[in-house]
Amino acid sequence: MTWLQERKQFVKALLSNPAAIGAVAPSGPALAAAITASIPPNAGKVLELGCGTGVFTREMLRKGVDPARLVLVEQDEAMSSSLRTQFPQAAVLQVSAQELSRDSHPELDGIGAAICGLPLRNMSGAHHHRLLTAVFDAMAEGGSMELFTYGVRCPIAPGVLDACGLSARRVGFVPFNLPPASVFSLARRP
């Protein structure tokens, strides 16, 4: 996908559903590098939520993640179609991330790591709880979910993290993104 095609696809999705996009521009290369930094090529299956134009996906492939081990979740129909074309070996699920479950999506079995590109600040605590429950139910012990936010604090409320048995820690700040972003890692508490 060319730079111009990516921008056109992003703007079209933004104009049709701004709350679902939650950004003013596609994530940049510095954020893609930061959010995928902890994903080793041998992580097992990697779940990516809110893939958009595939910026994070391309970075994982660049780092050696097997495309057949990717489970890409994107609700937007045009973006899902584009992801299927760009990454034909990956499993692409066109579904709301809050509706994920291993019962209805067997592709989730064996997830070793997750990346979240969803606009979490635009979601309720109940949505966060359903999302985290689904992700960590599918994830192997020791797995983590990396997410980003344009704020300085984790977008998941402490009460939701507690209810899910998770902890969050800030693992990076990316000043060279539009807008600047913080990266957090969520993991099960010991």
N, C-alpha and C. Protein backbone atom coordinates (compact mmCIF):
# COMPACT_ATOMS: atom_id res chain seq x y z
N MET A 1 0.85 -1.18 0.00
CA MET A 1 0.00 0.00 0.00
C MET A 1 0.89 1.24 0.00
N THR A 2 0.63 2.14 -0.91
CA THR A 2 1.44 3.35 -0.98
C THR A 2 1.03 4.32 0.13
N TRP A 3 1.89 5.29 0.36
CA TRP A 3 1.63 6.30 1.39
C TRP A 3 0.31 7.01 1.09
N LEU A 4 0.09 7.38 -0.16
CA LEU A 4 -1.12 8.10 -0.54
C LEU A 4 -2.37 7.22 -0.39
N GLN A 5 -2.28 5.96 -0.81
CA GLN A 5 -3.42 5.05 -0.66
C GLN A 5 -3.78 4.88 0.81
N GLU A 6 -2.76 4.73 1.64
CA GLU A 6 -2.99 4.56 3.07
C GLU A 6 -3.70 5.78 3.65
N ARG A 7 -3.26 6.97 3.29
CA ARG A 7 -3.87 8.20 3.81
C ARG A 7 -5.31 8.33 3.32
N LYS A 8 -5.57 8.00 2.05
CA LYS A 8 -6.93 8.09 1.51
C LYS A 8 -7.86 7.12 2.24
N GLN A 9 -7.38 5.89 2.46
CA GLN A 9 -8.18 4.90 3.17
C GLN A 9 -8.47 5.37 4.59
N PHE A 10 -7.47 5.92 5.25
CA PHE A 10 -7.63 6.40 6.62
C PHE A 10 -8.65 7.54 6.68
N VAL A 11 -8.53 8.53 5.80
CA VAL A 11 -9.43 9.68 5.81
C VAL A 11 -10.87 9.24 5.53
N LYS A 12 -11.05 8.32 4.60
CA LYS A 12 -12.39 7.82 4.29
C LYS A 12 -13.02 7.18 5.53
N ALA A 13 -12.25 6.34 6.23
CA ALA A 13 -12.75 5.69 7.44
C ALA A 13 -13.01 6.73 8.54
N LEU A 14 -12.13 7.69 8.67
CA LEU A 14 -12.28 8.74 9.68
C LEU A 14 -13.57 9.54 9.44
N LEU A 15 -13.82 9.90 8.20
CA LEU A 15 -15.02 10.68 7.90
C LEU A 15 -16.30 9.88 8.09
N SER A 16 -16.24 8.58 7.85
CA SER A 16 -17.46 7.77 7.99
C SER A 16 -17.75 7.40 9.44
N ASN A 17 -16.72 7.31 10.30
CA ASN A 17 -16.95 6.94 11.70
C ASN A 17 -15.80 7.45 12.57
N PRO A 18 -15.78 8.75 12.89
CA PRO A 18 -14.66 9.34 13.64
C PRO A 18 -14.40 8.68 15.00
N ALA A 19 -15.45 8.30 15.73
CA ALA A 19 -15.25 7.71 17.06
C ALA A 19 -14.56 6.36 16.98
N ALA A 20 -14.78 5.63 15.90
CA ALA A 20 -14.16 4.31 15.75
C ALA A 20 -12.68 4.43 15.37
N ILE A 21 -12.31 5.54 14.77
CA ILE A 21 -10.91 5.74 14.36
C ILE A 21 -10.12 6.36 15.51
N GLY A 22 -10.59 7.47 16.04
CA GLY A 22 -9.99 8.06 17.24
C GLY A 22 -8.61 8.66 17.05
N ALA A 23 -8.24 8.99 15.82
CA ALA A 23 -6.92 9.59 15.57
C ALA A 23 -7.06 10.59 14.42
N VAL A 24 -6.06 11.47 14.30
CA VAL A 24 -6.08 12.45 13.23
C VAL A 24 -5.22 12.02 12.04
N ALA A 25 -4.43 10.98 12.23
CA ALA A 25 -3.55 10.46 11.17
C ALA A 25 -3.20 9.01 11.49
N PRO A 26 -2.84 8.23 10.48
CA PRO A 26 -2.38 6.87 10.76
C PRO A 26 -1.15 6.90 11.66
N SER A 27 -0.99 5.87 12.47
CA SER A 27 0.19 5.79 13.34
C SER A 27 1.45 5.80 12.48
N GLY A 28 2.48 6.46 13.00
CA GLY A 28 3.73 6.58 12.27
C GLY A 28 4.70 5.44 12.57
N PRO A 29 5.82 5.41 11.84
CA PRO A 29 6.80 4.34 12.01
C PRO A 29 7.41 4.28 13.41
N ALA A 30 7.58 5.42 14.07
CA ALA A 30 8.17 5.40 15.42
C ALA A 30 7.23 4.73 16.41
N LEU A 31 5.93 4.99 16.29
CA LEU A 31 4.96 4.33 17.17
C LEU A 31 4.86 2.85 16.84
N ALA A 32 4.89 2.51 15.56
CA ALA A 32 4.85 1.10 15.16
C ALA A 32 6.03 0.34 15.74
N ALA A 33 7.21 0.94 15.71
CA ALA A 33 8.40 0.29 16.28
C ALA A 33 8.26 0.14 17.80
N ALA A 34 7.73 1.16 18.46
CA ALA A 34 7.62 1.13 19.93
C ALA A 34 6.58 0.11 20.40
N ILE A 35 5.43 0.05 19.73
CA ILE A 35 4.37 -0.84 20.21
C ILE A 35 4.67 -2.31 19.88
N THR A 36 5.51 -2.56 18.89
CA THR A 36 5.85 -3.94 18.53
C THR A 36 7.20 -4.38 19.11
N ALA A 37 7.84 -3.52 19.87
CA ALA A 37 9.20 -3.81 20.38
C ALA A 37 9.28 -5.08 21.21
N SER A 38 8.22 -5.41 21.94
CA SER A 38 8.29 -6.58 22.82
C SER A 38 7.76 -7.85 22.15
N ILE A 39 7.41 -7.79 20.88
CA ILE A 39 6.87 -8.96 20.18
C ILE A 39 8.01 -9.68 19.46
N PRO A 40 8.48 -10.80 20.02
CA PRO A 40 9.55 -11.53 19.34
C PRO A 40 8.99 -12.33 18.16
N PRO A 41 9.81 -12.63 17.16
CA PRO A 41 9.33 -13.40 16.01
C PRO A 41 8.72 -14.75 16.38
N ASN A 42 9.14 -15.32 17.51
CA ASN A 42 8.65 -16.63 17.93
C ASN A 42 7.57 -16.53 19.02
N ALA A 43 6.81 -15.44 19.04
CA ALA A 43 5.81 -15.20 20.09
C ALA A 43 4.61 -16.13 20.00
N GLY A 44 4.53 -16.95 18.99
CA GLY A 44 3.31 -17.71 18.77
C GLY A 44 2.37 -16.86 17.97
N LYS A 45 1.08 -17.09 18.12
CA LYS A 45 0.12 -16.25 17.42
C LYS A 45 0.11 -14.85 18.04
N VAL A 46 -0.04 -13.86 17.17
CA VAL A 46 -0.13 -12.47 17.64
C VAL A 46 -1.49 -11.92 17.21
N LEU A 47 -2.23 -11.43 18.18
CA LEU A 47 -3.53 -10.83 17.95
C LEU A 47 -3.34 -9.32 17.84
N GLU A 48 -3.86 -8.75 16.75
CA GLU A 48 -3.81 -7.30 16.59
C GLU A 48 -5.23 -6.78 16.49
N LEU A 49 -5.58 -5.89 17.39
CA LEU A 49 -6.92 -5.31 17.45
C LEU A 49 -6.92 -3.91 16.87
N GLY A 50 -7.85 -3.64 15.96
CA GLY A 50 -7.93 -2.32 15.36
C GLY A 50 -6.75 -2.06 14.44
N CYS A 51 -6.60 -2.89 13.44
CA CYS A 51 -5.41 -2.85 12.56
C CYS A 51 -5.37 -1.64 11.63
N GLY A 52 -6.52 -1.07 11.34
CA GLY A 52 -6.55 0.09 10.45
C GLY A 52 -5.91 -0.21 9.11
N THR A 53 -4.93 0.59 8.75
CA THR A 53 -4.27 0.45 7.45
C THR A 53 -3.14 -0.58 7.46
N GLY A 54 -2.83 -1.15 8.62
CA GLY A 54 -1.81 -2.19 8.69
C GLY A 54 -0.41 -1.72 9.05
N VAL A 55 -0.30 -0.54 9.63
CA VAL A 55 1.01 0.01 10.00
C VAL A 55 1.75 -0.90 10.99
N PHE A 56 1.06 -1.31 12.05
CA PHE A 56 1.69 -2.18 13.05
C PHE A 56 1.95 -3.57 12.47
N THR A 57 1.03 -4.04 11.65
CA THR A 57 1.17 -5.37 11.03
C THR A 57 2.44 -5.42 10.18
N ARG A 58 2.63 -4.41 9.35
CA ARG A 58 3.84 -4.37 8.49
C ARG A 58 5.11 -4.33 9.34
N GLU A 59 5.07 -3.64 10.46
CA GLU A 59 6.25 -3.57 11.33
C GLU A 59 6.54 -4.95 11.94
N MET A 60 5.50 -5.68 12.33
CA MET A 60 5.73 -7.03 12.87
C MET A 60 6.34 -7.94 11.81
N LEU A 61 5.85 -7.84 10.59
CA LEU A 61 6.41 -8.66 9.50
C LEU A 61 7.86 -8.28 9.25
N ARG A 62 8.16 -6.98 9.30
CA ARG A 62 9.53 -6.51 9.12
C ARG A 62 10.46 -7.10 10.17
N LYS A 63 9.91 -7.32 11.38
CA LYS A 63 10.70 -7.87 12.48
C LYS A 63 10.76 -9.39 12.47
N GLY A 64 10.11 -10.02 11.50
CA GLY A 64 10.23 -11.46 11.35
C GLY A 64 9.07 -12.29 11.87
N VAL A 65 7.97 -11.67 12.27
CA VAL A 65 6.81 -12.44 12.72
C VAL A 65 6.22 -13.14 11.48
N ASP A 66 5.91 -14.42 11.62
CA ASP A 66 5.32 -15.22 10.54
C ASP A 66 3.92 -14.70 10.24
N PRO A 67 3.63 -14.29 8.99
CA PRO A 67 2.30 -13.75 8.67
C PRO A 67 1.18 -14.75 8.92
N ALA A 68 1.47 -16.04 8.85
CA ALA A 68 0.44 -17.06 9.10
C ALA A 68 0.09 -17.15 10.59
N ARG A 69 0.88 -16.50 11.45
CA ARG A 69 0.63 -16.51 12.90
C ARG A 69 -0.10 -15.25 13.36
N LEU A 70 -0.54 -14.42 12.42
CA LEU A 70 -1.23 -13.18 12.77
C LEU A 70 -2.75 -13.37 12.73
N VAL A 71 -3.41 -12.83 13.75
CA VAL A 71 -4.87 -12.77 13.79
C VAL A 71 -5.21 -11.28 13.86
N LEU A 72 -5.75 -10.76 12.76
CA LEU A 72 -5.99 -9.34 12.61
C LEU A 72 -7.48 -9.05 12.77
N VAL A 73 -7.82 -8.14 13.66
CA VAL A 73 -9.21 -7.80 13.94
C VAL A 73 -9.45 -6.35 13.53
N GLU A 74 -10.35 -6.17 12.57
CA GLU A 74 -10.69 -4.83 12.09
C GLU A 74 -12.16 -4.80 11.74
N GLN A 75 -12.91 -3.92 12.37
CA GLN A 75 -14.36 -3.84 12.18
C GLN A 75 -14.74 -3.18 10.86
N ASP A 76 -13.96 -2.20 10.40
CA ASP A 76 -14.29 -1.46 9.18
C ASP A 76 -14.18 -2.38 7.97
N GLU A 77 -15.23 -2.41 7.16
CA GLU A 77 -15.29 -3.33 6.02
C GLU A 77 -14.19 -3.06 4.98
N ALA A 78 -14.00 -1.80 4.60
CA ALA A 78 -12.99 -1.48 3.59
C ALA A 78 -11.59 -1.78 4.10
N MET A 79 -11.32 -1.46 5.36
CA MET A 79 -10.00 -1.73 5.92
C MET A 79 -9.77 -3.23 6.06
N SER A 80 -10.79 -3.98 6.46
CA SER A 80 -10.66 -5.45 6.56
C SER A 80 -10.33 -6.04 5.19
N SER A 81 -11.01 -5.57 4.17
CA SER A 81 -10.77 -6.05 2.82
C SER A 81 -9.34 -5.75 2.38
N SER A 82 -8.87 -4.55 2.70
CA SER A 82 -7.50 -4.18 2.37
C SER A 82 -6.49 -5.05 3.11
N LEU A 83 -6.78 -5.35 4.39
CA LEU A 83 -5.87 -6.21 5.17
C LEU A 83 -5.80 -7.61 4.56
N ARG A 84 -6.93 -8.14 4.10
CA ARG A 84 -6.93 -9.47 3.46
C ARG A 84 -6.05 -9.47 2.21
N THR A 85 -6.09 -8.37 1.46
CA THR A 85 -5.28 -8.26 0.25
C THR A 85 -3.81 -8.12 0.60
N GLN A 86 -3.49 -7.27 1.57
CA GLN A 86 -2.09 -7.02 1.96
C GLN A 86 -1.45 -8.22 2.65
N PHE A 87 -2.23 -8.92 3.46
CA PHE A 87 -1.69 -10.00 4.30
C PHE A 87 -2.49 -11.28 4.09
N PRO A 88 -2.38 -11.91 2.91
CA PRO A 88 -3.24 -13.06 2.59
C PRO A 88 -3.03 -14.28 3.49
N GLN A 89 -1.90 -14.38 4.14
CA GLN A 89 -1.66 -15.54 5.02
C GLN A 89 -2.24 -15.35 6.42
N ALA A 90 -2.55 -14.12 6.78
CA ALA A 90 -3.08 -13.83 8.12
C ALA A 90 -4.57 -14.15 8.19
N ALA A 91 -5.04 -14.43 9.39
CA ALA A 91 -6.48 -14.57 9.63
C ALA A 91 -7.02 -13.17 9.91
N VAL A 92 -7.95 -12.71 9.09
CA VAL A 92 -8.54 -11.38 9.26
C VAL A 92 -9.99 -11.56 9.70
N LEU A 93 -10.31 -11.02 10.87
CA LEU A 93 -11.66 -11.10 11.43
C LEU A 93 -12.31 -9.73 11.37
N GLN A 94 -13.40 -9.63 10.62
CA GLN A 94 -14.13 -8.36 10.55
C GLN A 94 -15.24 -8.41 11.61
N VAL A 95 -14.87 -7.98 12.81
CA VAL A 95 -15.77 -8.07 13.95
C VAL A 95 -15.37 -7.00 14.95
N SER A 96 -16.32 -6.59 15.77
CA SER A 96 -16.01 -5.69 16.87
C SER A 96 -15.13 -6.43 17.88
N ALA A 97 -14.09 -5.79 18.34
CA ALA A 97 -13.16 -6.44 19.27
C ALA A 97 -13.85 -6.87 20.57
N GLN A 98 -14.89 -6.16 20.98
CA GLN A 98 -15.60 -6.51 22.20
C GLN A 98 -16.41 -7.79 22.03
N GLU A 99 -16.64 -8.21 20.80
CA GLU A 99 -17.43 -9.42 20.53
C GLU A 99 -16.57 -10.66 20.34
N LEU A 100 -15.27 -10.54 20.53
CA LEU A 100 -14.38 -11.68 20.35
C LEU A 100 -14.61 -12.74 21.42
N SER A 101 -14.52 -13.99 21.00
CA SER A 101 -14.52 -15.10 21.95
C SER A 101 -13.91 -16.31 21.24
N ARG A 102 -13.27 -17.17 22.02
CA ARG A 102 -12.70 -18.38 21.42
C ARG A 102 -13.79 -19.32 20.92
N ASP A 103 -14.98 -19.25 21.51
CA ASP A 103 -16.07 -20.11 21.06
C ASP A 103 -16.46 -19.79 19.62
N SER A 104 -16.57 -18.51 19.29
CA SER A 104 -16.99 -18.14 17.94
C SER A 104 -15.82 -17.86 17.00
N HIS A 105 -14.62 -17.74 17.54
CA HIS A 105 -13.44 -17.45 16.71
C HIS A 105 -12.29 -18.36 17.14
N PRO A 106 -12.25 -19.60 16.64
CA PRO A 106 -11.19 -20.53 17.04
C PRO A 106 -9.78 -20.06 16.67
N GLU A 107 -9.70 -19.06 15.79
CA GLU A 107 -8.39 -18.49 15.44
C GLU A 107 -7.68 -17.92 16.66
N LEU A 108 -8.44 -17.63 17.71
CA LEU A 108 -7.86 -17.04 18.92
C LEU A 108 -7.10 -18.04 19.78
N ASP A 109 -7.29 -19.32 19.56
CA ASP A 109 -6.56 -20.32 20.35
C ASP A 109 -5.06 -20.17 20.15
N GLY A 110 -4.32 -20.12 21.26
CA GLY A 110 -2.86 -20.07 21.19
C GLY A 110 -2.26 -18.70 21.01
N ILE A 111 -2.99 -17.66 21.37
CA ILE A 111 -2.44 -16.29 21.26
C ILE A 111 -1.32 -16.14 22.28
N GLY A 112 -0.16 -15.65 21.82
CA GLY A 112 0.98 -15.46 22.70
C GLY A 112 1.21 -14.00 23.07
N ALA A 113 0.69 -13.09 22.25
CA ALA A 113 0.87 -11.66 22.48
C ALA A 113 -0.23 -10.91 21.74
N ALA A 114 -0.49 -9.68 22.18
CA ALA A 114 -1.52 -8.87 21.52
C ALA A 114 -1.06 -7.42 21.42
N ILE A 115 -1.55 -6.77 20.39
CA ILE A 115 -1.32 -5.34 20.18
C ILE A 115 -2.68 -4.71 19.97
N CYS A 116 -2.90 -3.58 20.60
CA CYS A 116 -4.19 -2.91 20.51
C CYS A 116 -4.03 -1.52 19.90
N GLY A 117 -4.66 -1.33 18.76
CA GLY A 117 -4.66 -0.04 18.10
C GLY A 117 -6.03 0.62 18.16
N LEU A 118 -6.88 0.15 19.06
CA LEU A 118 -8.23 0.68 19.18
C LEU A 118 -8.25 2.03 19.92
N PRO A 119 -9.22 2.87 19.63
CA PRO A 119 -9.36 4.15 20.33
C PRO A 119 -9.99 3.93 21.71
N LEU A 120 -9.21 3.45 22.64
CA LEU A 120 -9.72 3.03 23.95
C LEU A 120 -10.36 4.17 24.74
N ARG A 121 -9.89 5.38 24.54
CA ARG A 121 -10.48 6.52 25.27
C ARG A 121 -11.92 6.81 24.81
N ASN A 122 -12.30 6.26 23.65
CA ASN A 122 -13.66 6.45 23.14
C ASN A 122 -14.60 5.34 23.58
N MET A 123 -14.12 4.43 24.44
CA MET A 123 -14.92 3.28 24.87
C MET A 123 -15.22 3.36 26.36
N SER A 124 -16.28 2.69 26.74
CA SER A 124 -16.68 2.66 28.14
C SER A 124 -15.87 1.63 28.92
N GLY A 125 -15.96 1.71 30.24
CA GLY A 125 -15.31 0.73 31.09
C GLY A 125 -15.86 -0.67 30.86
N ALA A 126 -17.16 -0.78 30.57
CA ALA A 126 -17.76 -2.09 30.27
C ALA A 126 -17.17 -2.68 29.00
N HIS A 127 -16.96 -1.84 27.99
CA HIS A 127 -16.31 -2.31 26.76
C HIS A 127 -14.88 -2.77 27.04
N HIS A 128 -14.17 -1.98 27.84
CA HIS A 128 -12.79 -2.36 28.20
C HIS A 128 -12.78 -3.72 28.89
N HIS A 129 -13.70 -3.92 29.82
CA HIS A 129 -13.74 -5.18 30.57
C HIS A 129 -13.99 -6.36 29.63
N ARG A 130 -14.97 -6.24 28.73
CA ARG A 130 -15.26 -7.32 27.77
C ARG A 130 -14.07 -7.60 26.87
N LEU A 131 -13.44 -6.54 26.40
CA LEU A 131 -12.29 -6.67 25.51
C LEU A 131 -11.13 -7.38 26.21
N LEU A 132 -10.78 -6.92 27.40
CA LEU A 132 -9.65 -7.51 28.13
C LEU A 132 -9.94 -8.95 28.53
N THR A 133 -11.16 -9.23 28.92
CA THR A 133 -11.53 -10.60 29.27
C THR A 133 -11.34 -11.52 28.07
N ALA A 134 -11.83 -11.10 26.91
CA ALA A 134 -11.70 -11.93 25.69
C ALA A 134 -10.23 -12.13 25.32
N VAL A 135 -9.44 -11.07 25.35
CA VAL A 135 -8.03 -11.16 24.95
C VAL A 135 -7.26 -12.06 25.90
N PHE A 136 -7.38 -11.82 27.20
CA PHE A 136 -6.57 -12.59 28.15
C PHE A 136 -7.11 -14.00 28.36
N ASP A 137 -8.38 -14.24 28.04
CA ASP A 137 -8.89 -15.61 28.04
C ASP A 137 -8.23 -16.43 26.94
N ALA A 138 -7.94 -15.79 25.81
CA ALA A 138 -7.33 -16.47 24.66
C ALA A 138 -5.80 -16.53 24.76
N MET A 139 -5.22 -15.72 25.63
CA MET A 139 -3.76 -15.58 25.67
C MET A 139 -3.10 -16.56 26.62
N ALA A 140 -1.96 -17.07 26.17
CA ALA A 140 -1.17 -17.99 27.00
C ALA A 140 -0.63 -17.26 28.23
N GLU A 141 -0.32 -18.04 29.28
CA GLU A 141 0.31 -17.47 30.47
C GLU A 141 1.59 -16.73 30.06
N GLY A 142 1.82 -15.61 30.68
CA GLY A 142 3.03 -14.85 30.38
C GLY A 142 2.88 -13.89 29.22
N GLY A 143 1.75 -13.95 28.52
CA GLY A 143 1.52 -13.04 27.39
C GLY A 143 1.14 -11.65 27.87
N SER A 144 1.33 -10.68 27.00
CA SER A 144 0.97 -9.31 27.33
C SER A 144 0.27 -8.65 26.15
N MET A 145 -0.42 -7.57 26.44
CA MET A 145 -1.05 -6.77 25.41
C MET A 145 -0.44 -5.38 25.45
N GLU A 146 0.06 -4.96 24.31
CA GLU A 146 0.65 -3.63 24.18
C GLU A 146 -0.42 -2.71 23.58
N LEU A 147 -0.53 -1.52 24.11
CA LEU A 147 -1.48 -0.55 23.59
C LEU A 147 -0.85 0.83 23.62
N PHE A 148 -1.49 1.76 22.91
CA PHE A 148 -0.99 3.13 22.93
C PHE A 148 -2.14 4.08 23.21
N THR A 149 -1.77 5.25 23.67
CA THR A 149 -2.75 6.29 23.95
C THR A 149 -2.08 7.64 23.71
N TYR A 150 -2.91 8.63 23.41
CA TYR A 150 -2.37 9.98 23.23
C TYR A 150 -2.29 10.73 24.55
N GLY A 151 -2.70 10.09 25.63
CA GLY A 151 -2.59 10.68 26.96
C GLY A 151 -1.35 10.18 27.66
N VAL A 152 -1.17 10.61 28.90
CA VAL A 152 0.00 10.17 29.67
C VAL A 152 -0.34 9.03 30.62
N ARG A 153 -1.64 8.79 30.85
CA ARG A 153 -2.06 7.69 31.72
C ARG A 153 -2.68 6.58 30.89
N CYS A 154 -2.67 5.40 31.45
CA CYS A 154 -3.29 4.25 30.79
C CYS A 154 -4.77 4.55 30.58
N PRO A 155 -5.30 4.28 29.39
CA PRO A 155 -6.71 4.58 29.12
C PRO A 155 -7.68 3.59 29.78
N ILE A 156 -7.15 2.52 30.37
CA ILE A 156 -7.99 1.55 31.08
C ILE A 156 -8.03 1.95 32.56
N ALA A 157 -9.21 2.13 33.10
CA ALA A 157 -9.36 2.56 34.50
C ALA A 157 -8.77 1.52 35.45
N PRO A 158 -8.18 1.97 36.57
CA PRO A 158 -7.62 1.03 37.55
C PRO A 158 -8.64 -0.01 38.03
N GLY A 159 -9.90 0.38 38.18
CA GLY A 159 -10.92 -0.57 38.62
C GLY A 159 -11.15 -1.69 37.62
N VAL A 160 -11.09 -1.37 36.34
CA VAL A 160 -11.25 -2.39 35.30
C VAL A 160 -10.04 -3.31 35.29
N LEU A 161 -8.84 -2.74 35.41
CA LEU A 161 -7.63 -3.56 35.48
C LEU A 161 -7.70 -4.51 36.66
N ASP A 162 -8.12 -3.99 37.82
CA ASP A 162 -8.25 -4.83 39.03
C ASP A 162 -9.25 -5.97 38.80
N ALA A 163 -10.40 -5.63 38.23
CA ALA A 163 -11.44 -6.64 38.00
C ALA A 163 -10.96 -7.74 37.05
N CYS A 164 -10.07 -7.40 36.15
CA CYS A 164 -9.54 -8.37 35.19
C CYS A 164 -8.26 -9.05 35.67
N GLY A 165 -7.76 -8.63 36.85
CA GLY A 165 -6.54 -9.22 37.38
C GLY A 165 -5.30 -8.82 36.61
N LEU A 166 -5.30 -7.60 36.09
CA LEU A 166 -4.20 -7.12 35.24
C LEU A 166 -3.48 -5.94 35.86
N SER A 167 -2.26 -5.74 35.42
CA SER A 167 -1.51 -4.53 35.77
C SER A 167 -1.07 -3.86 34.48
N ALA A 168 -0.87 -2.56 34.56
CA ALA A 168 -0.44 -1.79 33.40
C ALA A 168 0.82 -1.02 33.76
N ARG A 169 1.75 -0.99 32.82
CA ARG A 169 2.94 -0.15 33.03
C ARG A 169 3.29 0.54 31.73
N ARG A 170 3.70 1.78 31.88
CA ARG A 170 4.10 2.55 30.71
C ARG A 170 5.48 2.07 30.29
N VAL A 171 5.63 1.70 29.03
CA VAL A 171 6.90 1.16 28.55
C VAL A 171 7.57 2.05 27.51
N GLY A 172 6.90 3.13 27.14
CA GLY A 172 7.53 4.01 26.17
C GLY A 172 6.73 5.27 25.91
N PHE A 173 7.43 6.26 25.38
CA PHE A 173 6.81 7.50 24.94
C PHE A 173 7.36 7.80 23.56
N VAL A 174 6.48 8.13 22.62
CA VAL A 174 6.87 8.36 21.24
C VAL A 174 6.55 9.80 20.86
N PRO A 175 7.54 10.70 21.01
CA PRO A 175 7.27 12.10 20.68
C PRO A 175 7.16 12.35 19.18
N PHE A 176 7.73 11.44 18.38
CA PHE A 176 7.73 11.63 16.93
C PHE A 176 6.58 10.87 16.26
N ASN A 177 5.40 11.05 16.81
CA ASN A 177 4.16 10.52 16.23
C ASN A 177 3.19 11.68 16.20
N LEU A 178 2.19 11.63 15.34
CA LEU A 178 1.21 12.70 15.25
C LEU A 178 -0.13 12.16 15.75
N PRO A 179 -0.60 12.55 16.92
CA PRO A 179 0.10 13.27 17.99
C PRO A 179 1.03 12.33 18.76
N PRO A 180 1.89 12.89 19.62
CA PRO A 180 2.76 12.05 20.45
C PRO A 180 1.94 11.03 21.24
N ALA A 181 2.54 9.87 21.49
CA ALA A 181 1.80 8.78 22.13
C ALA A 181 2.62 8.09 23.20
N SER A 182 1.91 7.53 24.18
CA SER A 182 2.50 6.69 25.22
C SER A 182 2.15 5.24 24.92
N VAL A 183 3.08 4.34 25.20
CA VAL A 183 2.85 2.91 25.00
C VAL A 183 2.79 2.24 26.37
N PHE A 184 1.76 1.41 26.58
CA PHE A 184 1.57 0.68 27.83
C PHE A 184 1.56 -0.81 27.55
N SER A 185 1.99 -1.58 28.54
CA SER A 185 1.95 -3.03 28.48
C SER A 185 1.03 -3.52 29.59
N LEU A 186 0.05 -4.34 29.22
CA LEU A 186 -0.86 -4.94 30.20
C LEU A 186 -0.52 -6.41 30.33
N ALA A 187 -0.46 -6.88 31.58
CA ALA A 187 -0.14 -8.29 31.83
C ALA A 187 -0.91 -8.76 33.06
N ARG A 188 -1.04 -10.09 33.18
CA ARG A 188 -1.68 -10.65 34.36
C ARG A 188 -0.83 -10.37 35.58
N ARG A 189 -1.50 -10.14 36.69
CA ARG A 189 -0.76 -9.98 37.95
C ARG A 189 -0.28 -11.33 38.42
N PRO A 190 0.89 -11.37 39.07
CA PRO A 190 1.40 -12.67 39.57
C PRO A 190 0.51 -13.24 40.67
